Amino acid sequence: MFVRFRYKTVFLFLLTMVLCNVIFTPLLQYAGLTAQYSLFVITSLTAALLTTFISVRLSTAALSKTAVCIRFVLVGAGCTAVTYLAVF
């Protein structure tokens, strides 16, 4: 199975990641979290949400809510692990 990504999708993904980091990381820092931890939390949540959204939108099969939730948990675990390696 080959998934074709468009440049528009990649651009919107990266733009949304940057905007969420710029907007929400300082808010978590004001709440008392350290800079690294707030960057880790926001990046992992945003990456998990966006990757799940993109994979569901590109999927040709109709997915149930359970399948979408399972996909979110699995993608979230992967995004959290990669973000941990990148931030710390």
Protein backbone atom coordinates (compact mmCIF):
# COMPACT_ATOMS: atom_id res chain seq x y z
CA MET A 1 0.00 0.00 0.00
CA PHE A 2 1.50 3.27 -1.11
CA VAL A 3 0.22 6.46 0.45
CA ARG A 4 0.68 9.59 -1.59
CA PHE A 5 1.21 12.72 0.43
CA ARG A 6 0.65 16.07 -1.16
CA TYR A 7 2.89 19.04 -0.52
CA LYS A 8 -0.14 20.92 0.80
CA THR A 9 -0.74 18.25 3.46
CA VAL A 10 2.89 18.30 4.61
CA PHE A 11 2.95 22.11 4.64
CA LEU A 12 -0.26 22.32 6.71
CA PHE A 13 1.03 19.64 9.09
CA LEU A 14 4.30 21.46 9.73
CA LEU A 15 2.62 24.88 9.92
CA THR A 16 0.13 23.58 12.50
CA MET A 17 2.95 22.01 14.50
CA VAL A 18 4.89 25.27 14.58
CA LEU A 19 1.82 27.35 15.46
CA CYS A 20 0.82 25.03 18.30
CA ASN A 21 4.35 25.13 19.69
CA VAL A 22 4.50 28.92 19.45
CA ILE A 23 1.08 29.43 21.05
CA PHE A 24 0.79 26.69 23.69
CA THR A 25 4.38 26.18 24.90
CA PRO A 26 4.57 29.62 26.57
CA LEU A 27 1.17 29.02 28.16
CA LEU A 28 2.42 25.83 29.79
CA GLN A 29 5.57 27.63 30.88
CA TYR A 30 3.43 30.30 32.55
CA ALA A 31 1.57 27.47 34.28
CA GLY A 32 4.83 26.36 35.86
CA LEU A 33 6.22 23.65 33.57
CA THR A 34 9.80 23.74 32.35
CA ALA A 35 10.54 24.69 28.75
CA GLN A 36 11.59 21.18 27.74
CA TYR A 37 8.63 19.47 29.36
CA SER A 38 6.09 21.90 27.89
CA LEU A 39 7.65 21.50 24.43
CA PHE A 40 7.50 17.72 24.85
CA VAL A 41 3.83 17.71 25.89
CA ILE A 42 2.61 20.07 23.17
CA THR A 43 4.63 18.48 20.37
CA SER A 44 3.65 14.92 21.22
CA LEU A 45 -0.06 15.75 21.53
CA THR A 46 -0.12 17.83 18.35
CA ALA A 47 1.80 15.23 16.37
CA ALA A 48 -0.50 12.45 17.56
CA LEU A 49 -3.66 14.40 16.74
CA LEU A 50 -2.47 15.59 13.34
CA THR A 51 -1.03 12.23 12.29
CA THR A 52 -4.23 10.45 13.28
CA PHE A 53 -6.33 13.02 11.45
CA ILE A 54 -4.24 12.75 8.29
CA SER A 55 -4.19 8.95 8.34
CA VAL A 56 -7.96 8.79 8.83
CA ARG A 57 -8.55 11.30 6.03
CA LEU A 58 -6.24 9.41 3.64
CA SER A 59 -7.71 6.02 4.53
CA THR A 60 -10.10 4.73 1.90
CA ALA A 61 -11.96 2.38 4.25
CA ALA A 62 -14.69 3.60 6.56
CA LEU A 63 -13.40 3.39 10.12
CA SER A 64 -15.43 2.98 13.27
CA LYS A 65 -14.87 5.14 16.34
CA THR A 66 -13.11 2.25 18.03
CA ALA A 67 -10.67 1.87 15.14
CA VAL A 68 -9.93 5.60 15.17
CA CYS A 69 -9.34 5.52 18.95
CA ILE A 70 -7.00 2.54 18.63
CA ARG A 71 -5.15 4.29 15.81
CA PHE A 72 -4.83 7.42 17.96
CA VAL A 73 -3.40 5.46 20.90
CA LEU A 74 -0.87 3.64 18.73
CA VAL A 75 0.18 6.75 16.82
CA GLY A 76 0.26 8.70 20.08
CA ALA A 77 2.63 6.18 21.63
CA GLY A 78 4.92 6.39 18.62
CA CYS A 79 4.84 10.18 18.47
CA THR A 80 5.51 10.42 22.20
CA ALA A 81 8.54 8.15 21.92
CA VAL A 82 9.99 10.06 18.97
CA THR A 83 9.30 13.42 20.62
CA TYR A 84 10.99 12.23 23.81
CA LEU A 85 14.09 11.31 21.86
CA ALA A 86 14.08 14.64 20.05
CA VAL A 87 13.51 16.90 23.08
CA PHE A 88 15.48 15.13 25.79
